[in-house]
Amino acid sequence: MARYTPGVMPTNPADWPEYFRVEHAKIAQAMETPSERFTWETLYAPPNKYGEGTTVKADGTTWNPGSGAGTYQYRGGAWRFLG
C-alpha cells in the first residue's frame, strides 16, 4: 500500500464536502497502489492486539518472544521466529 498524506482541512465548512471527497479518493488510491517494499517498526513490547498471522519485528531485549531480535509471526497460539 502506498503512503497517504492528508491535505489541509479547509476552515470554511462549505468547503468540507469537496475536501472529504478528495481525501477519500486519495485514501482509496493509496490502498490500491502496491508498494515496492514493506518496513516493520521495531516493537519493544508485544502489540496490544494480535491474532493468527500477525507479523512483527521484536527488539529481542526489552521484548524477546523467544529467539532474540528479529521477525516473528503469531501462529498456533505462539510467536514463531521467522528470522
PDB file of N, CA and C in Angstrom:
ATOM      1  N   MET A   1       0.839  -1.165   0.000  1.00  0.00           N
ATOM      2  CA  MET A   1       0.000   0.000   0.000  1.00  0.00           C
ATOM      3  C   MET A   1       0.888   1.233   0.000  1.00  0.00           C
ATOM      4  N   ALA A   2       0.550   2.175  -0.818  1.00  0.00           N
ATOM      5  CA  ALA A   2       1.282   3.432  -0.887  1.00  0.00           C
ATOM      6  C   ALA A   2       0.944   4.293   0.326  1.00  0.00           C
ATOM      7  N   ARG A   3       1.770   5.279   0.570  1.00  0.00           N
ATOM      8  CA  ARG A   3       1.566   6.171   1.710  1.00  0.00           C
ATOM      9  C   ARG A   3       0.487   7.201   1.400  1.00  0.00           C
ATOM     10  N   TYR A   4      -0.338   7.485   2.399  1.00  0.00           N
ATOM     11  CA  TYR A   4      -1.365   8.514   2.300  1.00  0.00           C
ATOM     12  C   TYR A   4      -0.946   9.701   3.151  1.00  0.00           C
ATOM     13  N   THR A   5      -0.969  10.891   2.568  1.00  0.00           N
ATOM     14  CA  THR A   5      -0.687  12.122   3.298  1.00  0.00           C
ATOM     15  C   THR A   5      -1.910  13.018   3.180  1.00  0.00           C
ATOM     16  N   PRO A   6      -2.562  13.304   4.315  1.00  0.00           N
ATOM     17  CA  PRO A   6      -3.771  14.119   4.236  1.00  0.00           C
ATOM     18  C   PRO A   6      -3.476  15.556   3.850  1.00  0.00           C
ATOM     19  N   GLY A   7      -4.433  16.170   3.185  1.00  0.00           N
ATOM     20  CA  GLY A   7      -4.343  17.585   2.851  1.00  0.00           C
ATOM     21  C   GLY A   7      -4.759  18.432   4.040  1.00  0.00           C
ATOM     22  N   VAL A   8      -4.617  19.723   3.905  1.00  0.00           N
ATOM     23  CA  VAL A   8      -5.012  20.654   4.965  1.00  0.00           C
ATOM     24  C   VAL A   8      -6.521  20.866   4.889  1.00  0.00           C
ATOM     25  N   MET A   9      -7.189  20.634   6.006  1.00  0.00           N
ATOM     26  CA  MET A   9      -8.639  20.771   6.034  1.00  0.00           C
ATOM     27  C   MET A   9      -9.019  22.248   5.972  1.00  0.00           C
ATOM     28  N   PRO A  10      -9.952  22.578   5.094  1.00  0.00           N
ATOM     29  CA  PRO A  10     -10.363  23.979   4.990  1.00  0.00           C
ATOM     30  C   PRO A  10     -11.110  24.437   6.243  1.00  0.00           C
ATOM     31  N   THR A  11     -11.022  25.706   6.526  1.00  0.00           N
ATOM     32  CA  THR A  11     -11.710  26.255   7.698  1.00  0.00           C
ATOM     33  C   THR A  11     -13.173  26.571   7.403  1.00  0.00           C
ATOM     34  N   ASN A  12     -13.497  26.744   6.158  1.00  0.00           N
ATOM     35  CA  ASN A  12     -14.868  27.060   5.771  1.00  0.00           C
ATOM     36  C   ASN A  12     -15.670  25.760   5.643  1.00  0.00           C
ATOM     37  N   PRO A  13     -16.682  25.568   6.482  1.00  0.00           N
ATOM     38  CA  PRO A  13     -17.480  24.333   6.411  1.00  0.00           C
ATOM     39  C   PRO A  13     -18.098  24.073   5.039  1.00  0.00           C
ATOM     40  N   ALA A  14     -18.334  25.095   4.257  1.00  0.00           N
ATOM     41  CA  ALA A  14     -18.898  24.904   2.920  1.00  0.00           C
ATOM     42  C   ALA A  14     -17.928  24.139   2.014  1.00  0.00           C
ATOM     43  N   ASP A  15     -16.633  24.182   2.322  1.00  0.00           N
ATOM     44  CA  ASP A  15     -15.617  23.504   1.517  1.00  0.00           C
ATOM     45  C   ASP A  15     -15.356  22.068   1.975  1.00  0.00           C
ATOM     46  N   TRP A  16     -15.941  21.664   3.094  1.00  0.00           N
ATOM     47  CA  TRP A  16     -15.671  20.333   3.646  1.00  0.00           C
ATOM     48  C   TRP A  16     -16.116  19.186   2.739  1.00  0.00           C
ATOM     49  N   PRO A  17     -17.285  19.232   2.116  1.00  0.00           N
ATOM     50  CA  PRO A  17     -17.682  18.099   1.271  1.00  0.00           C
ATOM     51  C   PRO A  17     -16.654  17.792   0.175  1.00  0.00           C
ATOM     52  N   GLU A  18     -16.144  18.811  -0.493  1.00  0.00           N
ATOM     53  CA  GLU A  18     -15.134  18.592  -1.542  1.00  0.00           C
ATOM     54  C   GLU A  18     -13.831  18.079  -0.939  1.00  0.00           C
ATOM     55  N   TYR A  19     -13.449  18.614   0.209  1.00  0.00           N
ATOM     56  CA  TYR A  19     -12.231  18.155   0.895  1.00  0.00           C
ATOM     57  C   TYR A  19     -12.329  16.656   1.193  1.00  0.00           C
ATOM     58  N   PHE A  20     -13.459  16.242   1.783  1.00  0.00           N
ATOM     59  CA  PHE A  20     -13.618  14.824   2.126  1.00  0.00           C
ATOM     60  C   PHE A  20     -13.700  13.942   0.884  1.00  0.00           C
ATOM     61  N   ARG A  21     -14.329  14.422  -0.164  1.00  0.00           N
ATOM     62  CA  ARG A  21     -14.373  13.649  -1.407  1.00  0.00           C
ATOM     63  C   ARG A  21     -12.964  13.413  -1.938  1.00  0.00           C
ATOM     64  N   VAL A  22     -12.141  14.454  -1.950  1.00  0.00           N
ATOM     65  CA  VAL A  22     -10.766  14.338  -2.439  1.00  0.00           C
ATOM     66  C   VAL A  22      -9.950  13.428  -1.521  1.00  0.00           C
ATOM     67  N   GLU A  23     -10.094  13.594  -0.210  1.00  0.00           N
ATOM     68  CA  GLU A  23      -9.316  12.775   0.730  1.00  0.00           C
ATOM     69  C   GLU A  23      -9.706  11.303   0.630  1.00  0.00           C
ATOM     70  N   HIS A  24     -10.989  11.009   0.499  1.00  0.00           N
ATOM     71  CA  HIS A  24     -11.408   9.608   0.349  1.00  0.00           C
ATOM     72  C   HIS A  24     -10.842   9.003  -0.932  1.00  0.00           C
ATOM     73  N   ALA A  25     -10.807   9.781  -1.999  1.00  0.00           N
ATOM     74  CA  ALA A  25     -10.221   9.292  -3.250  1.00  0.00           C
ATOM     75  C   ALA A  25      -8.726   9.020  -3.071  1.00  0.00           C
ATOM     76  N   LYS A  26      -8.027   9.900  -2.345  1.00  0.00           N
ATOM     77  CA  LYS A  26      -6.594   9.693  -2.108  1.00  0.00           C
ATOM     78  C   LYS A  26      -6.344   8.442  -1.260  1.00  0.00           C
ATOM     79  N   ILE A  27      -7.189   8.208  -0.260  1.00  0.00           N
ATOM     80  CA  ILE A  27      -7.052   7.019   0.585  1.00  0.00           C
ATOM     81  C   ILE A  27      -7.298   5.761  -0.244  1.00  0.00           C
ATOM     82  N   ALA A  28      -8.348   5.769  -1.055  1.00  0.00           N
ATOM     83  CA  ALA A  28      -8.639   4.610  -1.904  1.00  0.00           C
ATOM     84  C   ALA A  28      -7.485   4.325  -2.850  1.00  0.00           C
ATOM     85  N   GLN A  29      -6.921   5.366  -3.438  1.00  0.00           N
ATOM     86  CA  GLN A  29      -5.785   5.185  -4.351  1.00  0.00           C
ATOM     87  C   GLN A  29      -4.588   4.601  -3.609  1.00  0.00           C
ATOM     88  N   ALA A  30      -4.315   5.110  -2.420  1.00  0.00           N
ATOM     89  CA  ALA A  30      -3.181   4.597  -1.647  1.00  0.00           C
ATOM     90  C   ALA A  30      -3.369   3.126  -1.295  1.00  0.00           C
ATOM     91  N   MET A  31      -4.600   2.733  -0.977  1.00  0.00           N
ATOM     92  CA  MET A  31      -4.861   1.341  -0.607  1.00  0.00           C
ATOM     93  C   MET A  31      -4.744   0.404  -1.800  1.00  0.00           C
ATOM     94  N   GLU A  32      -4.996   0.900  -2.990  1.00  0.00           N
ATOM     95  CA  GLU A  32      -4.948   0.059  -4.187  1.00  0.00           C
ATOM     96  C   GLU A  32      -3.587   0.028  -4.853  1.00  0.00           C
ATOM     97  N   THR A  33      -2.697   0.923  -4.449  1.00  0.00           N
ATOM     98  CA  THR A  33      -1.383   1.017  -5.085  1.00  0.00           C
ATOM     99  C   THR A  33      -0.393   0.107  -4.357  1.00  0.00           C
ATOM    100  N   PRO A  34       0.171  -0.885  -5.043  1.00  0.00           N
ATOM    101  CA  PRO A  34       1.147  -1.745  -4.386  1.00  0.00           C
ATOM    102  C   PRO A  34       2.417  -0.978  -4.050  1.00  0.00           C
ATOM    103  N   SER A  35       3.049  -1.401  -2.994  1.00  0.00           N
ATOM    104  CA  SER A  35       4.301  -0.784  -2.569  1.00  0.00           C
ATOM    105  C   SER A  35       5.452  -1.707  -2.943  1.00  0.00           C
ATOM    106  N   GLU A  36       6.594  -1.148  -3.260  1.00  0.00           N
ATOM    107  CA  GLU A  36       7.747  -1.968  -3.648  1.00  0.00           C
ATOM    108  C   GLU A  36       8.469  -2.551  -2.445  1.00  0.00           C
ATOM    109  N   ARG A  37       8.127  -2.095  -1.243  1.00  0.00           N
ATOM    110  CA  ARG A  37       8.764  -2.633  -0.041  1.00  0.00           C
ATOM    111  C   ARG A  37       7.824  -2.493   1.146  1.00  0.00           C
ATOM    112  N   PHE A  38       8.169  -3.194   2.214  1.00  0.00           N
ATOM    113  CA  PHE A  38       7.411  -3.129   3.455  1.00  0.00           C
ATOM    114  C   PHE A  38       8.410  -3.065   4.585  1.00  0.00           C
ATOM    115  N   THR A  39       8.239  -2.122   5.491  1.00  0.00           N
ATOM    116  CA  THR A  39       9.160  -1.970   6.612  1.00  0.00           C
ATOM    117  C   THR A  39       8.389  -2.083   7.919  1.00  0.00           C
ATOM    118  N   TRP A  40       8.845  -2.979   8.801  1.00  0.00           N
ATOM    119  CA  TRP A  40       8.238  -3.107  10.114  1.00  0.00           C
ATOM    120  C   TRP A  40       8.955  -2.209  11.100  1.00  0.00           C
ATOM    121  N   GLU A  41       8.195  -1.579  11.993  1.00  0.00           N
ATOM    122  CA  GLU A  41       8.789  -0.841  13.089  1.00  0.00           C
ATOM    123  C   GLU A  41       9.178  -1.844  14.166  1.00  0.00           C
ATOM    124  N   THR A  42      10.310  -1.613  14.826  1.00  0.00           N
ATOM    125  CA  THR A  42      10.746  -2.481  15.911  1.00  0.00           C
ATOM    126  C   THR A  42       9.849  -2.258  17.121  1.00  0.00           C
ATOM    127  N   LEU A  43       9.318  -3.346  17.674  1.00  0.00           N
ATOM    128  CA  LEU A  43       8.477  -3.274  18.866  1.00  0.00           C
ATOM    129  C   LEU A  43       9.298  -3.631  20.098  1.00  0.00           C
ATOM    130  N   TYR A  44       9.035  -2.939  21.188  1.00  0.00           N
ATOM    131  CA  TYR A  44       9.726  -3.168  22.452  1.00  0.00           C
ATOM    132  C   TYR A  44       8.822  -3.826  23.479  1.00  0.00           C
ATOM    133  N   ALA A  45       7.620  -4.171  23.055  1.00  0.00           N
ATOM    134  CA  ALA A  45       6.636  -4.896  23.858  1.00  0.00           C
ATOM    135  C   ALA A  45       5.678  -5.547  22.873  1.00  0.00           C
ATOM    136  N   PRO A  46       4.998  -6.607  23.285  1.00  0.00           N
ATOM    137  CA  PRO A  46       4.047  -7.232  22.360  1.00  0.00           C
ATOM    138  C   PRO A  46       2.949  -6.243  21.978  1.00  0.00           C
ATOM    139  N   PRO A  47       2.407  -6.370  20.764  1.00  0.00           N
ATOM    140  CA  PRO A  47       1.320  -5.471  20.366  1.00  0.00           C
ATOM    141  C   PRO A  47       0.102  -5.679  21.266  1.00  0.00           C
ATOM    142  N   ASN A  48      -0.676  -4.623  21.445  1.00  0.00           N
ATOM    143  CA  ASN A  48      -1.870  -4.724  22.293  1.00  0.00           C
ATOM    144  C   ASN A  48      -2.893  -5.690  21.728  1.00  0.00           C
ATOM    145  N   LYS A  49      -3.024  -5.705  20.415  1.00  0.00           N
ATOM    146  CA  LYS A  49      -3.987  -6.593  19.759  1.00  0.00           C
ATOM    147  C   LYS A  49      -3.253  -7.396  18.700  1.00  0.00           C
ATOM    148  N   TYR A  50      -3.432  -8.694  18.736  1.00  0.00           N
ATOM    149  CA  TYR A  50      -2.849  -9.548  17.710  1.00  0.00           C
ATOM    150  C   TYR A  50      -3.653 -10.828  17.615  1.00  0.00           C
ATOM    151  N   GLY A  51      -3.513 -11.473  16.494  1.00  0.00           N
ATOM    152  CA  GLY A  51      -4.216 -12.727  16.273  1.00  0.00           C
ATOM    153  C   GLY A  51      -3.431 -13.567  15.284  1.00  0.00           C
ATOM    154  N   GLU A  52      -4.010 -14.657  14.900  1.00  0.00           N
ATOM    155  CA  GLU A  52      -3.372 -15.590  13.975  1.00  0.00           C
ATOM    156  C   GLU A  52      -2.863 -14.854  12.742  1.00  0.00           C
ATOM    157  N   GLY A  53      -1.576 -14.985  12.462  1.00  0.00           N
ATOM    158  CA  GLY A  53      -0.973 -14.383  11.284  1.00  0.00           C
ATOM    159  C   GLY A  53      -0.328 -13.028  11.506  1.00  0.00           C
ATOM    160  N   THR A  54      -0.489 -12.436  12.687  1.00  0.00           N
ATOM    161  CA  THR A  54       0.141 -11.146  12.959  1.00  0.00           C
ATOM    162  C   THR A  54       1.656 -11.297  12.863  1.00  0.00           C
ATOM    163  N   THR A  55       2.295 -10.410  12.121  1.00  0.00           N
ATOM    164  CA  THR A  55       3.743 -10.443  11.938  1.00  0.00           C
ATOM    165  C   THR A  55       4.336  -9.157  12.494  1.00  0.00           C
ATOM    166  N   VAL A  56       5.394  -9.294  13.297  1.00  0.00           N
ATOM    167  CA  VAL A  56       6.016  -8.159  13.969  1.00  0.00           C
ATOM    168  C   VAL A  56       7.531  -8.294  13.956  1.00  0.00           C
ATOM    169  N   LYS A  57       8.196  -7.199  14.310  1.00  0.00           N
ATOM    170  CA  LYS A  57       9.652  -7.194  14.472  1.00  0.00           C
ATOM    171  C   LYS A  57       9.940  -6.833  15.925  1.00  0.00           C
ATOM    172  N   ALA A  58      10.549  -7.755  16.673  1.00  0.00           N
ATOM    173  CA  ALA A  58      10.834  -7.561  18.092  1.00  0.00           C
ATOM    174  C   ALA A  58      12.279  -7.114  18.294  1.00  0.00           C
ATOM    175  N   ASP A  59      12.487  -6.257  19.295  1.00  0.00           N
ATOM    176  CA  ASP A  59      13.852  -5.779  19.569  1.00  0.00           C
ATOM    177  C   ASP A  59      14.731  -6.878  20.151  1.00  0.00           C
ATOM    178  N   GLY A  60      14.142  -7.879  20.802  1.00  0.00           N
ATOM    179  CA  GLY A  60      14.902  -9.008  21.300  1.00  0.00           C
ATOM    180  C   GLY A  60      15.460  -8.837  22.700  1.00  0.00           C
ATOM    181  N   THR A  61      15.414  -7.628  23.244  1.00  0.00           N
ATOM    182  CA  THR A  61      15.920  -7.388  24.593  1.00  0.00           C
ATOM    183  C   THR A  61      14.778  -7.011  25.516  1.00  0.00           C
ATOM    184  N   THR A  62      14.159  -5.860  25.249  1.00  0.00           N
ATOM    185  CA  THR A  62      13.018  -5.434  26.057  1.00  0.00           C
ATOM    186  C   THR A  62      11.855  -6.401  25.871  1.00  0.00           C
ATOM    187  N   TRP A  63      11.634  -6.810  24.639  1.00  0.00           N
ATOM    188  CA  TRP A  63      10.641  -7.844  24.342  1.00  0.00           C
ATOM    189  C   TRP A  63      11.304  -8.916  23.494  1.00  0.00           C
ATOM    190  N   ASN A  64      11.429 -10.087  24.084  1.00  0.00           N
ATOM    191  CA  ASN A  64      12.040 -11.221  23.390  1.00  0.00           C
ATOM    192  C   ASN A  64      11.015 -12.352  23.328  1.00  0.00           C
ATOM    193  N   PRO A  65      10.360 -12.521  22.187  1.00  0.00           N
ATOM    194  CA  PRO A  65       9.357 -13.583  22.074  1.00  0.00           C
ATOM    195  C   PRO A  65       9.940 -14.994  22.055  1.00  0.00           C
ATOM    196  N   GLY A  66      11.258 -15.120  22.077  1.00  0.00           N
ATOM    197  CA  GLY A  66      11.815 -16.461  22.160  1.00  0.00           C
ATOM    198  C   GLY A  66      13.181 -16.656  21.554  1.00  0.00           C
ATOM    199  N   SER A  67      13.523 -15.982  20.471  1.00  0.00           N
ATOM    200  CA  SER A  67      14.803 -16.217  19.791  1.00  0.00           C
ATOM    201  C   SER A  67      15.580 -14.928  19.557  1.00  0.00           C
ATOM    202  N   GLY A  68      15.389 -13.940  20.436  1.00  0.00           N
ATOM    203  CA  GLY A  68      16.124 -12.693  20.293  1.00  0.00           C
ATOM    204  C   GLY A  68      15.496 -11.757  19.279  1.00  0.00           C
ATOM    205  N   ALA A  69      16.298 -10.807  18.820  1.00  0.00           N
ATOM    206  CA  ALA A  69      15.813  -9.804  17.876  1.00  0.00           C
ATOM    207  C   ALA A  69      15.461 -10.453  16.542  1.00  0.00           C
ATOM    208  N   GLY A  70      14.398  -9.947  15.930  1.00  0.00           N
ATOM    209  CA  GLY A  70      14.036 -10.450  14.610  1.00  0.00           C
ATOM    210  C   GLY A  70      12.556 -10.367  14.336  1.00  0.00           C
ATOM    211  N   THR A  71      12.149 -11.023  13.268  1.00  0.00           N
ATOM    212  CA  THR A  71      10.765 -11.011  12.818  1.00  0.00           C
ATOM    213  C   THR A  71      10.062 -12.271  13.309  1.00  0.00           C
ATOM    214  N   TYR A  72       8.854 -12.073  13.836  1.00  0.00           N
ATOM    215  CA  TYR A  72       8.065 -13.172  14.389  1.00  0.00           C
ATOM    216  C   TYR A  72       6.655 -13.124  13.803  1.00  0.00           C
ATOM    217  N   GLN A  73       6.046 -14.304  13.727  1.00  0.00           N
ATOM    218  CA  GLN A  73       4.649 -14.381  13.322  1.00  0.00           C
ATOM    219  C   GLN A  73       3.894 -15.171  14.376  1.00  0.00           C
ATOM    220  N   TYR A  74       2.699 -14.710  14.714  1.00  0.00           N
ATOM    221  CA  TYR A  74       1.875 -15.387  15.707  1.00  0.00           C
ATOM    222  C   TYR A  74       1.054 -16.456  14.999  1.00  0.00           C
ATOM    223  N   ARG A  75       1.364 -17.725  15.310  1.00  0.00           N
ATOM    224  CA  ARG A  75       0.678 -18.863  14.687  1.00  0.00           C
ATOM    225  C   ARG A  75       0.482 -19.947  15.725  1.00  0.00           C
ATOM    226  N   GLY A  76      -0.678 -20.543  15.714  1.00  0.00           N
ATOM    227  CA  GLY A  76      -0.948 -21.668  16.602  1.00  0.00           C
ATOM    228  C   GLY A  76      -0.788 -21.332  18.072  1.00  0.00           C
ATOM    229  N   GLY A  77      -1.095 -20.098  18.450  1.00  0.00           N
ATOM    230  CA  GLY A  77      -1.042 -19.701  19.855  1.00  0.00           C
ATOM    231  C   GLY A  77       0.335 -19.318  20.365  1.00  0.00           C
ATOM    232  N   ALA A  78       1.323 -19.162  19.467  1.00  0.00           N
ATOM    233  CA  ALA A  78       2.677 -18.805  19.902  1.00  0.00           C
ATOM    234  C   ALA A  78       3.360 -17.932  18.860  1.00  0.00           C
ATOM    235  N   TRP A  79       4.352 -17.168  19.307  1.00  0.00           N
ATOM    236  CA  TRP A  79       5.176 -16.365  18.387  1.00  0.00           C
ATOM    237  C   TRP A  79       6.223 -17.271  17.775  1.00  0.00           C
ATOM    238  N   ARG A  80       6.279 -17.339  16.457  1.00  0.00           N
ATOM    239  CA  ARG A  80       7.238 -18.180  15.715  1.00  0.00           C
ATOM    240  C   ARG A  80       8.285 -17.284  15.089  1.00  0.00           C
ATOM    241  N   PHE A  81       9.539 -17.595  15.319  1.00  0.00           N
ATOM    242  CA  PHE A  81      10.659 -16.821  14.781  1.00  0.00           C
ATOM    243  C   PHE A  81      10.774 -17.058  13.291  1.00  0.00           C
ATOM    244  N   LEU A  82      10.811 -15.982  12.506  1.00  0.00           N
ATOM    245  CA  LEU A  82      10.974 -16.089  11.055  1.00  0.00           C
ATOM    246  C   LEU A  82      12.389 -15.765  10.606  1.00  0.00           C
ATOM    247  N   GLY A  83      13.089 -15.020  11.411  1.00  0.00           N
ATOM    248  CA  GLY A  83      14.471 -14.680  11.044  1.00  0.00           C
ATOM    249  C   GLY A  83      14.844 -13.283  11.390  1.00  0.00           C
TER     250      GLY A  83
END
